[in-house]
Amino acid sequence: MKIDGAYFDTKYGDGTTRDRFRYYQDKIYVIPSWLDYNIYQIHSNDSISIRYSFDFGKYGFDSNQDVDRKTIAHEQYITGIEHFNETDRFLNFSFLCKNIAHNMVYSKVTGQSYILTLLPKHNENEFRFWYTQTVHEDWLIALIDVSFLRYDFERMTEEKIRKWGLEGFDKLDDEDNSVLVFYKINI
């Protein structure tokens, strides 16, 4: 397959490819690199088109602006889309804005969007919504390293750990296997 370089500007890319491709209903999606707000689709005839395009308004980077893209973008703008997943009912992806990670769920059914902060700072009431690696039907699936889980448990109260039904997980050791998490989206 020949991919036209004009579609994928690698000059400011982050250099990673492991999360750049997704598969959904016989479609192959290409998730953009830095400062690109489009999800591309590869067609069976090797052509590429934009499948989804996101407008972040004042938080989106305008490539016509005369700013140093590398130093200022993370401080002021949404720098790109990561961990994109699609199901029959919703779209889901993560993004950085002002150096804070967020997760967006868009309901195809209602047309509404929901934004979650991935790390609820100093809030023992919330369990972090982790980046998802894949989907199965309408379940989002994440594989979480135990050391990251332990950080959340140190932040949460015993009462909140019980409320979320996570007793026992706070006893895991850093040497234990990663934990597979299934998120069911009810929107």
N, C-alpha and C. Protein backbone atom coordinates (compact mmCIF):
# COMPACT_ATOMS: atom_id res chain seq x y z
N MET A 1 0.85 -1.17 0.00
CA MET A 1 0.00 0.00 0.00
C MET A 1 0.89 1.23 0.00
N LYS A 2 0.51 2.23 -0.78
CA LYS A 2 1.26 3.48 -0.80
C LYS A 2 0.45 4.52 -0.03
N ILE A 3 1.05 5.09 0.99
CA ILE A 3 0.38 6.12 1.77
C ILE A 3 1.00 7.46 1.43
N ASP A 4 0.19 8.39 1.01
CA ASP A 4 0.64 9.72 0.65
C ASP A 4 1.07 10.46 1.91
N GLY A 5 2.29 10.96 1.93
CA GLY A 5 2.82 11.66 3.08
C GLY A 5 2.03 12.89 3.47
N ALA A 6 1.27 13.44 2.55
CA ALA A 6 0.50 14.65 2.86
C ALA A 6 -0.58 14.38 3.90
N TYR A 7 -1.01 13.15 4.01
CA TYR A 7 -2.04 12.83 4.99
C TYR A 7 -1.51 12.81 6.41
N PHE A 8 -0.28 12.39 6.58
CA PHE A 8 0.26 12.16 7.92
C PHE A 8 1.56 12.91 8.10
N ASP A 9 1.46 14.09 8.65
CA ASP A 9 2.62 14.92 8.91
C ASP A 9 3.42 14.31 10.05
N THR A 10 4.61 13.82 9.76
CA THR A 10 5.42 13.19 10.80
C THR A 10 6.45 14.14 11.39
N LYS A 11 6.53 15.37 10.88
CA LYS A 11 7.52 16.32 11.37
C LYS A 11 7.37 16.55 12.87
N TYR A 12 6.14 16.62 13.35
CA TYR A 12 5.90 16.85 14.77
C TYR A 12 5.28 15.64 15.45
N GLY A 13 5.42 14.49 14.86
CA GLY A 13 4.86 13.28 15.45
C GLY A 13 5.59 12.89 16.72
N ASP A 14 4.96 12.04 17.50
CA ASP A 14 5.57 11.63 18.76
C ASP A 14 6.46 10.41 18.60
N GLY A 15 6.52 9.85 17.41
CA GLY A 15 7.41 8.74 17.15
C GLY A 15 6.85 7.38 17.52
N THR A 16 5.64 7.31 18.06
CA THR A 16 5.07 6.02 18.43
C THR A 16 4.03 5.60 17.40
N THR A 17 3.94 4.30 17.18
CA THR A 17 2.95 3.79 16.24
C THR A 17 2.05 2.75 16.85
N ARG A 18 2.31 2.31 18.07
CA ARG A 18 1.55 1.19 18.63
C ARG A 18 0.08 1.48 18.79
N ASP A 19 -0.30 2.74 18.96
CA ASP A 19 -1.70 3.08 19.14
C ASP A 19 -2.28 3.83 17.93
N ARG A 20 -1.62 3.78 16.81
CA ARG A 20 -2.05 4.57 15.67
C ARG A 20 -3.07 3.86 14.78
N PHE A 21 -3.29 2.57 14.95
CA PHE A 21 -4.21 1.84 14.09
C PHE A 21 -5.27 1.13 14.91
N ARG A 22 -6.51 1.21 14.45
CA ARG A 22 -7.64 0.54 15.09
C ARG A 22 -8.46 -0.14 14.00
N TYR A 23 -9.20 -1.16 14.42
CA TYR A 23 -10.04 -1.92 13.50
C TYR A 23 -11.45 -1.95 14.06
N TYR A 24 -12.43 -1.62 13.22
CA TYR A 24 -13.82 -1.65 13.65
C TYR A 24 -14.71 -1.90 12.44
N GLN A 25 -15.54 -2.93 12.51
CA GLN A 25 -16.50 -3.27 11.46
C GLN A 25 -15.89 -3.21 10.06
N ASP A 26 -14.86 -3.98 9.83
CA ASP A 26 -14.17 -4.05 8.54
C ASP A 26 -13.55 -2.73 8.11
N LYS A 27 -13.29 -1.86 9.05
CA LYS A 27 -12.64 -0.59 8.74
C LYS A 27 -11.32 -0.52 9.50
N ILE A 28 -10.31 0.00 8.85
CA ILE A 28 -9.04 0.26 9.52
C ILE A 28 -8.92 1.77 9.67
N TYR A 29 -8.77 2.20 10.92
CA TYR A 29 -8.62 3.62 11.22
C TYR A 29 -7.16 3.92 11.51
N VAL A 30 -6.75 5.12 11.15
CA VAL A 30 -5.43 5.61 11.50
C VAL A 30 -5.64 6.80 12.41
N ILE A 31 -5.08 6.71 13.61
CA ILE A 31 -5.21 7.78 14.59
C ILE A 31 -4.07 8.76 14.31
N PRO A 32 -4.37 10.04 14.29
CA PRO A 32 -3.37 11.03 13.87
C PRO A 32 -2.25 11.21 14.87
N SER A 33 -1.20 11.84 14.39
CA SER A 33 -0.11 12.21 15.29
C SER A 33 -0.38 13.61 15.83
N TRP A 34 0.60 14.20 16.38
CA TRP A 34 0.54 15.46 17.11
C TRP A 34 -0.13 16.58 16.31
N LEU A 35 -1.05 17.30 16.94
CA LEU A 35 -1.74 18.48 16.40
C LEU A 35 -2.58 18.18 15.16
N ASP A 36 -3.09 16.97 15.07
CA ASP A 36 -4.01 16.61 13.99
C ASP A 36 -5.27 16.09 14.66
N TYR A 37 -6.43 16.61 14.28
CA TYR A 37 -7.68 16.28 14.95
C TYR A 37 -8.61 15.44 14.07
N ASN A 38 -8.05 14.69 13.15
CA ASN A 38 -8.83 13.83 12.27
C ASN A 38 -8.52 12.37 12.54
N ILE A 39 -9.55 11.53 12.41
CA ILE A 39 -9.37 10.09 12.39
C ILE A 39 -9.52 9.68 10.94
N TYR A 40 -8.51 9.00 10.40
CA TYR A 40 -8.51 8.62 8.99
C TYR A 40 -8.97 7.18 8.83
N GLN A 41 -9.50 6.87 7.66
CA GLN A 41 -9.94 5.52 7.34
C GLN A 41 -9.21 5.06 6.09
N ILE A 42 -8.67 3.84 6.14
CA ILE A 42 -8.03 3.24 4.97
C ILE A 42 -9.08 2.40 4.26
N HIS A 43 -9.27 2.64 2.97
CA HIS A 43 -10.27 1.92 2.18
C HIS A 43 -9.64 0.72 1.47
N SER A 44 -10.47 -0.18 1.00
CA SER A 44 -9.98 -1.39 0.37
C SER A 44 -9.20 -1.12 -0.92
N ASN A 45 -9.41 0.04 -1.53
CA ASN A 45 -8.66 0.38 -2.74
C ASN A 45 -7.38 1.16 -2.41
N ASP A 46 -6.95 1.10 -1.16
CA ASP A 46 -5.74 1.75 -0.67
C ASP A 46 -5.84 3.26 -0.58
N SER A 47 -7.00 3.82 -0.77
CA SER A 47 -7.14 5.26 -0.59
C SER A 47 -7.42 5.56 0.88
N ILE A 48 -7.23 6.81 1.26
CA ILE A 48 -7.41 7.23 2.64
C ILE A 48 -8.31 8.45 2.65
N SER A 49 -9.25 8.45 3.61
CA SER A 49 -10.11 9.63 3.76
C SER A 49 -10.29 9.92 5.25
N ILE A 50 -10.81 11.09 5.54
CA ILE A 50 -11.10 11.45 6.92
C ILE A 50 -12.42 10.79 7.31
N ARG A 51 -12.40 10.00 8.37
CA ARG A 51 -13.61 9.35 8.88
C ARG A 51 -14.32 10.26 9.90
N TYR A 52 -13.54 10.81 10.85
CA TYR A 52 -14.07 11.73 11.85
C TYR A 52 -13.12 12.92 11.94
N SER A 53 -13.70 14.09 12.12
CA SER A 53 -12.92 15.29 12.32
C SER A 53 -13.47 16.01 13.55
N PHE A 54 -12.60 16.38 14.47
CA PHE A 54 -13.02 17.00 15.72
C PHE A 54 -12.60 18.47 15.75
N ASP A 55 -13.52 19.32 16.18
CA ASP A 55 -13.26 20.75 16.31
C ASP A 55 -13.24 21.08 17.79
N PHE A 56 -12.06 21.44 18.31
CA PHE A 56 -11.92 21.74 19.72
C PHE A 56 -12.03 23.23 20.02
N GLY A 57 -12.49 24.01 19.05
CA GLY A 57 -12.71 25.44 19.27
C GLY A 57 -11.43 26.14 19.68
N LYS A 58 -11.52 26.97 20.70
CA LYS A 58 -10.37 27.77 21.14
C LYS A 58 -9.23 26.91 21.70
N TYR A 59 -9.53 25.64 22.02
CA TYR A 59 -8.49 24.76 22.53
C TYR A 59 -7.79 23.98 21.41
N GLY A 60 -8.26 24.11 20.19
CA GLY A 60 -7.61 23.48 19.05
C GLY A 60 -6.50 24.35 18.53
N PHE A 61 -5.43 23.74 18.05
CA PHE A 61 -4.28 24.48 17.52
C PHE A 61 -4.55 24.87 16.08
N ASP A 62 -4.35 26.13 15.77
CA ASP A 62 -4.48 26.64 14.41
C ASP A 62 -3.08 26.66 13.80
N SER A 63 -2.85 25.85 12.78
CA SER A 63 -1.51 25.73 12.20
C SER A 63 -1.04 27.03 11.54
N ASN A 64 -1.94 27.99 11.34
CA ASN A 64 -1.54 29.28 10.77
C ASN A 64 -0.97 30.22 11.83
N GLN A 65 -1.09 29.86 13.11
CA GLN A 65 -0.57 30.70 14.17
C GLN A 65 0.96 30.67 14.17
N ASP A 66 1.54 31.80 14.47
CA ASP A 66 2.99 31.92 14.49
C ASP A 66 3.50 31.69 15.92
N VAL A 67 3.53 30.42 16.32
CA VAL A 67 4.03 30.06 17.64
C VAL A 67 4.96 28.87 17.51
N ASP A 68 5.83 28.72 18.48
CA ASP A 68 6.71 27.57 18.51
C ASP A 68 5.86 26.36 18.92
N ARG A 69 5.59 25.51 17.98
CA ARG A 69 4.66 24.40 18.20
C ARG A 69 5.08 23.50 19.34
N LYS A 70 6.35 23.22 19.45
CA LYS A 70 6.78 22.26 20.45
C LYS A 70 6.69 22.80 21.87
N THR A 71 7.02 24.06 22.09
CA THR A 71 7.08 24.55 23.46
C THR A 71 5.75 25.05 23.97
N ILE A 72 4.91 25.59 23.13
CA ILE A 72 3.69 26.23 23.62
C ILE A 72 2.44 25.34 23.49
N ALA A 73 2.45 24.42 22.58
CA ALA A 73 1.24 23.65 22.30
C ALA A 73 0.71 22.90 23.52
N HIS A 74 1.58 22.23 24.26
CA HIS A 74 1.12 21.45 25.43
C HIS A 74 0.55 22.35 26.52
N GLU A 75 0.99 23.58 26.56
CA GLU A 75 0.54 24.49 27.61
C GLU A 75 -0.82 25.11 27.30
N GLN A 76 -1.18 25.24 26.01
CA GLN A 76 -2.37 26.01 25.66
C GLN A 76 -3.42 25.23 24.86
N TYR A 77 -3.03 24.16 24.19
CA TYR A 77 -3.91 23.54 23.22
C TYR A 77 -4.07 22.03 23.45
N ILE A 78 -5.11 21.50 22.85
CA ILE A 78 -5.25 20.04 22.77
C ILE A 78 -4.27 19.60 21.69
N THR A 79 -3.36 18.74 22.06
CA THR A 79 -2.25 18.41 21.16
C THR A 79 -2.50 17.17 20.30
N GLY A 80 -3.62 16.52 20.46
CA GLY A 80 -3.91 15.39 19.60
C GLY A 80 -4.87 14.41 20.24
N ILE A 81 -5.23 13.42 19.48
CA ILE A 81 -6.17 12.39 19.88
C ILE A 81 -5.40 11.09 20.06
N GLU A 82 -5.64 10.41 21.16
CA GLU A 82 -4.98 9.13 21.42
C GLU A 82 -6.00 8.10 21.88
N HIS A 83 -5.63 6.84 21.80
CA HIS A 83 -6.42 5.73 22.34
C HIS A 83 -7.86 5.76 21.80
N PHE A 84 -8.02 6.02 20.53
CA PHE A 84 -9.35 6.10 19.91
C PHE A 84 -9.96 4.71 19.82
N ASN A 85 -11.24 4.61 20.18
CA ASN A 85 -12.01 3.37 20.05
C ASN A 85 -13.41 3.72 19.62
N GLU A 86 -14.03 2.81 18.86
CA GLU A 86 -15.41 2.99 18.42
C GLU A 86 -16.19 1.71 18.66
N THR A 87 -17.44 1.88 19.08
CA THR A 87 -18.37 0.76 19.19
C THR A 87 -19.64 1.15 18.43
N ASP A 88 -20.63 0.29 18.47
CA ASP A 88 -21.90 0.61 17.81
C ASP A 88 -22.58 1.82 18.45
N ARG A 89 -22.31 2.06 19.74
CA ARG A 89 -23.02 3.12 20.46
C ARG A 89 -22.20 4.37 20.76
N PHE A 90 -20.87 4.29 20.75
CA PHE A 90 -20.11 5.47 21.12
C PHE A 90 -18.72 5.51 20.51
N LEU A 91 -18.12 6.70 20.56
CA LEU A 91 -16.71 6.92 20.24
C LEU A 91 -16.03 7.26 21.56
N ASN A 92 -14.78 6.87 21.70
CA ASN A 92 -14.04 7.13 22.92
C ASN A 92 -12.60 7.44 22.55
N PHE A 93 -12.04 8.50 23.13
CA PHE A 93 -10.61 8.78 22.95
C PHE A 93 -10.10 9.63 24.09
N SER A 94 -8.78 9.72 24.18
CA SER A 94 -8.12 10.54 25.19
C SER A 94 -7.44 11.71 24.51
N PHE A 95 -7.23 12.77 25.28
CA PHE A 95 -6.52 13.94 24.76
C PHE A 95 -5.90 14.71 25.91
N LEU A 96 -4.87 15.48 25.61
CA LEU A 96 -4.23 16.37 26.58
C LEU A 96 -4.68 17.79 26.32
N CYS A 97 -5.00 18.51 27.38
CA CYS A 97 -5.31 19.94 27.27
C CYS A 97 -4.69 20.63 28.47
N LYS A 98 -3.85 21.59 28.20
CA LYS A 98 -3.14 22.33 29.25
C LYS A 98 -2.40 21.35 30.17
N ASN A 99 -1.78 20.36 29.57
CA ASN A 99 -0.98 19.35 30.27
C ASN A 99 -1.79 18.47 31.23
N ILE A 100 -3.10 18.40 31.05
CA ILE A 100 -3.94 17.52 31.85
C ILE A 100 -4.61 16.52 30.91
N ALA A 101 -4.54 15.23 31.26
CA ALA A 101 -5.12 14.18 30.42
C ALA A 101 -6.62 14.06 30.69
N HIS A 102 -7.39 13.95 29.60
CA HIS A 102 -8.83 13.80 29.67
C HIS A 102 -9.26 12.63 28.80
N ASN A 103 -10.46 12.17 29.02
CA ASN A 103 -11.05 11.12 28.20
C ASN A 103 -12.43 11.60 27.75
N MET A 104 -12.73 11.40 26.47
CA MET A 104 -14.00 11.84 25.92
C MET A 104 -14.80 10.63 25.44
N VAL A 105 -16.07 10.60 25.81
CA VAL A 105 -16.99 9.60 25.31
C VAL A 105 -18.09 10.35 24.57
N TYR A 106 -18.31 9.99 23.31
CA TYR A 106 -19.36 10.60 22.51
C TYR A 106 -20.41 9.54 22.21
N SER A 107 -21.65 9.81 22.59
CA SER A 107 -22.74 8.87 22.35
C SER A 107 -23.27 9.07 20.93
N LYS A 108 -23.20 8.02 20.12
CA LYS A 108 -23.79 8.06 18.78
C LYS A 108 -25.31 8.09 18.86
N VAL A 109 -25.86 7.60 19.94
CA VAL A 109 -27.30 7.51 20.12
C VAL A 109 -27.90 8.87 20.47
N THR A 110 -27.29 9.56 21.45
CA THR A 110 -27.86 10.83 21.92
C THR A 110 -27.19 12.06 21.33
N GLY A 111 -25.98 11.89 20.77
CA GLY A 111 -25.23 13.03 20.25
C GLY A 111 -24.55 13.84 21.33
N GLN A 112 -24.52 13.34 22.56
CA GLN A 112 -23.91 14.06 23.67
C GLN A 112 -22.48 13.57 23.91
N SER A 113 -21.66 14.49 24.43
CA SER A 113 -20.28 14.18 24.78
C SER A 113 -20.10 14.27 26.28
N TYR A 114 -19.22 13.43 26.79
CA TYR A 114 -18.90 13.41 28.21
C TYR A 114 -17.39 13.43 28.34
N ILE A 115 -16.86 14.33 29.18
CA ILE A 115 -15.42 14.44 29.35
C ILE A 115 -15.07 14.10 30.80
N LEU A 116 -14.10 13.21 30.96
CA LEU A 116 -13.60 12.81 32.26
C LEU A 116 -12.13 13.17 32.37
N THR A 117 -11.71 13.66 33.51
CA THR A 117 -10.29 13.88 33.75
C THR A 117 -9.70 12.53 34.11
N LEU A 118 -8.60 12.17 33.45
CA LEU A 118 -8.03 10.84 33.68
C LEU A 118 -7.41 10.70 35.06
N LEU A 119 -6.91 11.78 35.64
CA LEU A 119 -6.35 11.71 36.98
C LEU A 119 -7.06 12.73 37.85
N PRO A 120 -8.05 12.30 38.63
CA PRO A 120 -8.76 13.23 39.50
C PRO A 120 -7.87 13.65 40.67
N LYS A 121 -7.18 14.76 40.50
CA LYS A 121 -6.22 15.21 41.51
C LYS A 121 -6.89 15.45 42.86
N HIS A 122 -6.29 14.93 43.90
CA HIS A 122 -6.71 15.16 45.27
C HIS A 122 -8.19 14.85 45.49
N ASN A 123 -8.72 13.92 44.76
CA ASN A 123 -10.12 13.57 44.92
C ASN A 123 -10.21 12.09 45.24
N GLU A 124 -10.46 11.79 46.51
CA GLU A 124 -10.53 10.39 46.93
C GLU A 124 -11.86 9.75 46.58
N ASN A 125 -12.78 10.51 45.97
CA ASN A 125 -14.10 9.97 45.64
C ASN A 125 -14.14 9.28 44.29
N GLU A 126 -13.15 9.49 43.46
CA GLU A 126 -13.21 8.97 42.10
C GLU A 126 -12.12 7.94 41.86
N PHE A 127 -12.47 6.97 41.05
CA PHE A 127 -11.48 6.02 40.57
C PHE A 127 -11.08 6.47 39.18
N ARG A 128 -9.81 6.48 38.90
CA ARG A 128 -9.31 6.98 37.63
C ARG A 128 -9.86 6.19 36.44
N PHE A 129 -10.20 6.89 35.38
CA PHE A 129 -10.57 6.24 34.12
C PHE A 129 -9.30 6.08 33.31
N TRP A 130 -8.88 4.84 33.09
CA TRP A 130 -7.61 4.56 32.45
C TRP A 130 -7.76 4.52 30.94
N TYR A 131 -6.66 4.79 30.25
CA TYR A 131 -6.63 4.66 28.79
C TYR A 131 -7.07 3.25 28.40
N THR A 132 -7.86 3.15 27.37
CA THR A 132 -8.31 1.84 26.93
C THR A 132 -7.53 1.40 25.69
N GLN A 133 -7.21 0.12 25.66
CA GLN A 133 -6.45 -0.42 24.54
C GLN A 133 -7.35 -0.99 23.44
N THR A 134 -8.55 -1.43 23.82
CA THR A 134 -9.41 -2.04 22.82
C THR A 134 -10.86 -2.03 23.32
N VAL A 135 -11.76 -2.51 22.48
CA VAL A 135 -13.17 -2.64 22.85
C VAL A 135 -13.64 -4.05 22.48
N HIS A 136 -14.68 -4.47 23.18
CA HIS A 136 -15.39 -5.69 22.83
C HIS A 136 -16.87 -5.38 23.00
N GLU A 137 -17.62 -5.45 21.90
CA GLU A 137 -19.01 -5.01 21.89
C GLU A 137 -19.06 -3.58 22.43
N ASP A 138 -19.75 -3.32 23.54
CA ASP A 138 -19.76 -1.96 24.09
C ASP A 138 -18.93 -1.85 25.37
N TRP A 139 -17.98 -2.74 25.55
CA TRP A 139 -17.09 -2.68 26.70
C TRP A 139 -15.75 -2.07 26.26
N LEU A 140 -15.24 -1.11 27.06
CA LEU A 140 -13.89 -0.61 26.88
C LEU A 140 -12.97 -1.46 27.73
N ILE A 141 -11.79 -1.81 27.22
CA ILE A 141 -10.89 -2.71 27.93
C ILE A 141 -9.53 -2.04 28.11
N ALA A 142 -9.05 -2.04 29.34
CA ALA A 142 -7.75 -1.46 29.68
C ALA A 142 -6.91 -2.49 30.42
N LEU A 143 -5.61 -2.48 30.19
CA LEU A 143 -4.66 -3.31 30.90
C LEU A 143 -3.82 -2.37 31.75
N ILE A 144 -3.90 -2.50 33.08
CA ILE A 144 -3.30 -1.53 33.99
C ILE A 144 -2.20 -2.17 34.81
N ASP A 145 -1.05 -1.55 34.81
CA ASP A 145 0.08 -1.98 35.62
C ASP A 145 -0.26 -1.79 37.10
N VAL A 146 0.08 -2.75 37.93
CA VAL A 146 -0.27 -2.71 39.35
C VAL A 146 0.31 -1.48 40.05
N SER A 147 1.50 -1.06 39.67
CA SER A 147 2.10 0.12 40.34
C SER A 147 1.24 1.36 40.14
N PHE A 148 0.59 1.49 38.98
CA PHE A 148 -0.30 2.63 38.75
C PHE A 148 -1.59 2.49 39.57
N LEU A 149 -2.09 1.27 39.68
CA LEU A 149 -3.27 1.04 40.51
C LEU A 149 -2.99 1.40 41.97
N ARG A 150 -1.81 1.02 42.44
CA ARG A 150 -1.45 1.29 43.83
C ARG A 150 -1.44 2.79 44.11
N TYR A 151 -1.03 3.59 43.15
CA TYR A 151 -1.04 5.04 43.30
C TYR A 151 -2.47 5.52 43.55
N ASP A 152 -3.43 4.99 42.81
CA ASP A 152 -4.82 5.37 43.02
C ASP A 152 -5.32 4.93 44.40
N PHE A 153 -4.97 3.72 44.82
CA PHE A 153 -5.44 3.23 46.11
C PHE A 153 -4.86 4.03 47.27
N GLU A 154 -3.65 4.54 47.11
CA GLU A 154 -3.06 5.38 48.15
C GLU A 154 -3.82 6.70 48.29
N ARG A 155 -4.43 7.14 47.21
CA ARG A 155 -5.17 8.40 47.17
C ARG A 155 -6.59 8.23 47.71
N MET A 156 -7.16 7.04 47.56
CA MET A 156 -8.56 6.80 47.90
C MET A 156 -8.72 6.39 49.37
N THR A 157 -9.86 6.71 49.95
CA THR A 157 -10.16 6.29 51.32
C THR A 157 -10.63 4.83 51.31
N GLU A 158 -10.54 4.17 52.47
CA GLU A 158 -11.02 2.78 52.60
C GLU A 158 -12.50 2.70 52.23
N GLU A 159 -13.26 3.70 52.64
CA GLU A 159 -14.70 3.73 52.34
C GLU A 159 -14.95 3.74 50.83
N LYS A 160 -14.18 4.53 50.09
CA LYS A 160 -14.36 4.62 48.64
C LYS A 160 -13.90 3.33 47.95
N ILE A 161 -12.86 2.70 48.48
CA ILE A 161 -12.41 1.43 47.92
C ILE A 161 -13.52 0.39 48.05
N ARG A 162 -14.20 0.37 49.20
CA ARG A 162 -15.33 -0.56 49.40
C ARG A 162 -16.49 -0.18 48.48
N LYS A 163 -16.78 1.13 48.35
CA LYS A 163 -17.89 1.58 47.52
C LYS A 163 -17.72 1.10 46.07
N TRP A 164 -16.48 1.17 45.59
CA TRP A 164 -16.22 0.75 44.20
C TRP A 164 -16.05 -0.76 44.09
N GLY A 165 -16.10 -1.49 45.19
CA GLY A 165 -15.95 -2.95 45.15
C GLY A 165 -14.55 -3.39 44.80
N LEU A 166 -13.56 -2.65 45.28
CA LEU A 166 -12.17 -2.91 44.90
C LEU A 166 -11.33 -3.51 46.03
N GLU A 167 -12.00 -4.00 47.07
CA GLU A 167 -11.26 -4.61 48.17
C GLU A 167 -10.40 -5.75 47.62
N GLY A 168 -9.21 -5.85 48.14
CA GLY A 168 -8.29 -6.90 47.70
C GLY A 168 -7.33 -6.40 46.64
N PHE A 169 -7.81 -5.56 45.72
CA PHE A 169 -6.92 -5.03 44.70
C PHE A 169 -5.87 -4.10 45.30
N ASP A 170 -6.21 -3.46 46.43
CA ASP A 170 -5.25 -2.56 47.08
C ASP A 170 -4.12 -3.34 47.75
N LYS A 171 -4.27 -4.66 47.84
CA LYS A 171 -3.23 -5.50 48.45
C LYS A 171 -2.26 -6.07 47.42
N LEU A 172 -2.49 -5.79 46.14
CA LEU A 172 -1.61 -6.31 45.10
C LEU A 172 -0.20 -5.75 45.24
N ASP A 173 0.77 -6.55 44.86
CA ASP A 173 2.17 -6.18 44.92
C ASP A 173 2.62 -5.73 43.52
N ASP A 174 3.60 -4.84 43.48
CA ASP A 174 4.10 -4.34 42.19
C ASP A 174 4.59 -5.46 41.28
N GLU A 175 4.93 -6.59 41.84
CA GLU A 175 5.41 -7.73 41.05
C GLU A 175 4.27 -8.55 40.45
N ASP A 176 3.03 -8.30 40.89
CA ASP A 176 1.89 -9.05 40.37
C ASP A 176 1.62 -8.70 38.91
N ASN A 177 0.86 -9.57 38.25
CA ASN A 177 0.49 -9.32 36.86
C ASN A 177 -0.38 -8.07 36.74
N SER A 178 -0.41 -7.49 35.58
CA SER A 178 -1.28 -6.35 35.32
C SER A 178 -2.73 -6.76 35.49
N VAL A 179 -3.59 -5.78 35.70
CA VAL A 179 -5.01 -6.02 35.92
C VAL A 179 -5.78 -5.63 34.67
N LEU A 180 -6.66 -6.52 34.24
CA LEU A 180 -7.51 -6.26 33.08
C LEU A 180 -8.81 -5.63 33.57
N VAL A 181 -9.11 -4.43 33.07
CA VAL A 181 -10.29 -3.68 33.52
C VAL A 181 -11.27 -3.56 32.36
N PHE A 182 -12.55 -3.85 32.64
CA PHE A 182 -13.61 -3.69 31.66
C PHE A 182 -14.51 -2.56 32.11
N TYR A 183 -14.67 -1.55 31.25
CA TYR A 183 -15.58 -0.45 31.52
C TYR A 183 -16.84 -0.62 30.69
N LYS A 184 -17.97 -0.57 31.34
CA LYS A 184 -19.25 -0.62 30.62
C LYS A 184 -19.80 0.82 30.59
N ILE A 185 -20.01 1.34 29.40
CA ILE A 185 -20.50 2.70 29.23
C ILE A 185 -22.02 2.66 29.16
N ASN A 186 -22.68 3.36 30.05
CA ASN A 186 -24.13 3.37 30.11
C ASN A 186 -24.66 4.75 29.71
N ILE A 187 -24.54 5.07 28.43
CA ILE A 187 -25.08 6.34 27.93
C ILE A 187 -25.91 6.08 26.70
